[in-house]
Amino acid sequence: MAIRKPTPIHKTEPSASDIERIINAGSPPPASEPSIPVATEVKFQMVVPTQLCAVIDEARKLTRTSRRTWLLQAAQEKLEREGKL
């Protein structure tokens, strides 16, 4: 197979209408209301004292749940007792 030189590309200046057509071609119409994603969870870091963590770990051994699950259940139970849930 023979190797050929690439054909030269003739560069011409695009017209203003061509530029506007390209800019507006890919844009969808604006939404009437901006869509804001709704978060289903809030993430944050928490520091737990070593002694409290040891007590929590001992308490959750019976149920074999993760610390996260155990803490969420404990918070929910407390809020239910106080009538806030």
Protein backbone atom coordinates (compact mmCIF):
# COMPACT_ATOMS: atom_id res chain seq x y z
CA MET A 1 0.00 0.00 0.00
CA ALA A 2 1.41 3.36 -1.00
CA ILE A 3 1.70 6.23 1.45
CA ARG A 4 0.18 9.47 0.24
CA LYS A 5 0.52 12.98 1.49
CA PRO A 6 -2.62 14.25 3.21
CA THR A 7 -4.70 16.60 1.17
CA PRO A 8 -4.29 20.20 2.31
CA ILE A 9 -7.20 21.73 4.20
CA HIS A 10 -8.18 25.16 2.99
CA LYS A 11 -8.78 27.37 5.97
CA THR A 12 -11.43 30.00 5.46
CA GLU A 13 -12.88 32.36 8.00
CA PRO A 14 -16.37 31.27 9.09
CA SER A 15 -19.15 33.80 8.82
CA ALA A 16 -20.85 35.24 11.89
CA SER A 17 -24.04 33.34 11.08
CA ASP A 18 -22.09 30.04 10.95
CA ILE A 19 -20.58 30.76 14.37
CA GLU A 20 -23.99 31.58 15.88
CA ARG A 21 -25.51 28.43 14.36
CA ILE A 22 -22.80 26.25 15.91
CA ILE A 23 -23.03 27.95 19.32
CA ASN A 24 -26.82 27.62 19.51
CA ALA A 25 -27.09 24.16 17.93
CA GLY A 26 -26.13 22.06 20.94
CA SER A 27 -27.85 24.03 23.68
CA PRO A 28 -31.14 22.71 25.01
CA PRO A 29 -33.76 25.31 25.87
CA PRO A 30 -33.48 26.59 29.44
CA ALA A 31 -35.68 24.86 31.98
CA SER A 32 -38.47 26.87 33.53
CA GLU A 33 -37.20 25.98 37.00
CA PRO A 34 -33.59 25.08 37.75
CA SER A 35 -33.29 21.49 38.85
CA ILE A 36 -31.50 21.17 42.18
CA PRO A 37 -30.53 17.63 43.18
CA VAL A 38 -32.15 16.59 46.44
CA ALA A 39 -29.79 14.88 48.85
CA THR A 40 -31.20 11.86 50.61
CA GLU A 41 -28.41 11.74 53.19
CA VAL A 42 -26.15 14.20 54.92
CA LYS A 43 -22.54 13.13 55.28
CA PHE A 44 -20.24 14.35 58.01
CA GLN A 45 -17.35 13.18 60.13
CA MET A 46 -17.73 12.56 63.83
CA VAL A 47 -15.08 12.19 66.51
CA VAL A 48 -15.99 9.76 69.29
CA PRO A 49 -13.94 9.51 72.49
CA THR A 50 -12.05 6.23 72.82
CA GLN A 51 -13.88 5.09 75.98
CA LEU A 52 -17.31 5.80 74.49
CA CYS A 53 -16.35 3.96 71.31
CA ALA A 54 -15.34 0.93 73.37
CA VAL A 55 -18.71 0.95 75.18
CA ILE A 56 -20.56 1.26 71.85
CA ASP A 57 -18.52 -1.60 70.35
CA GLU A 58 -19.33 -3.79 73.36
CA ALA A 59 -23.05 -2.99 73.09
CA ARG A 60 -23.27 -3.68 69.37
CA LYS A 61 -21.48 -7.05 69.57
CA LEU A 62 -24.78 -8.79 70.36
CA THR A 63 -26.47 -7.51 67.21
CA ARG A 64 -23.41 -7.62 64.94
CA THR A 65 -24.31 -4.27 63.41
CA SER A 66 -21.92 -1.64 62.16
CA ARG A 67 -21.13 1.40 64.26
CA ARG A 68 -22.98 3.57 61.76
CA THR A 69 -26.15 1.47 61.94
CA TRP A 70 -25.97 1.18 65.73
CA LEU A 71 -25.56 4.94 66.17
CA LEU A 72 -28.43 5.70 63.75
CA GLN A 73 -30.73 3.27 65.58
CA ALA A 74 -29.74 4.74 68.96
CA ALA A 75 -30.44 8.28 67.76
CA GLN A 76 -33.79 7.23 66.31
CA GLU A 77 -34.82 5.46 69.54
CA LYS A 78 -33.90 8.52 71.60
CA LEU A 79 -35.86 10.89 69.35
CA GLU A 80 -38.89 8.57 69.41
CA ARG A 81 -38.80 8.48 73.22
CA GLU A 82 -38.74 12.27 73.30
CA GLY A 83 -41.66 12.41 70.84
CA LYS A 84 -39.68 14.19 68.16
CA LEU A 85 -40.16 11.48 65.53
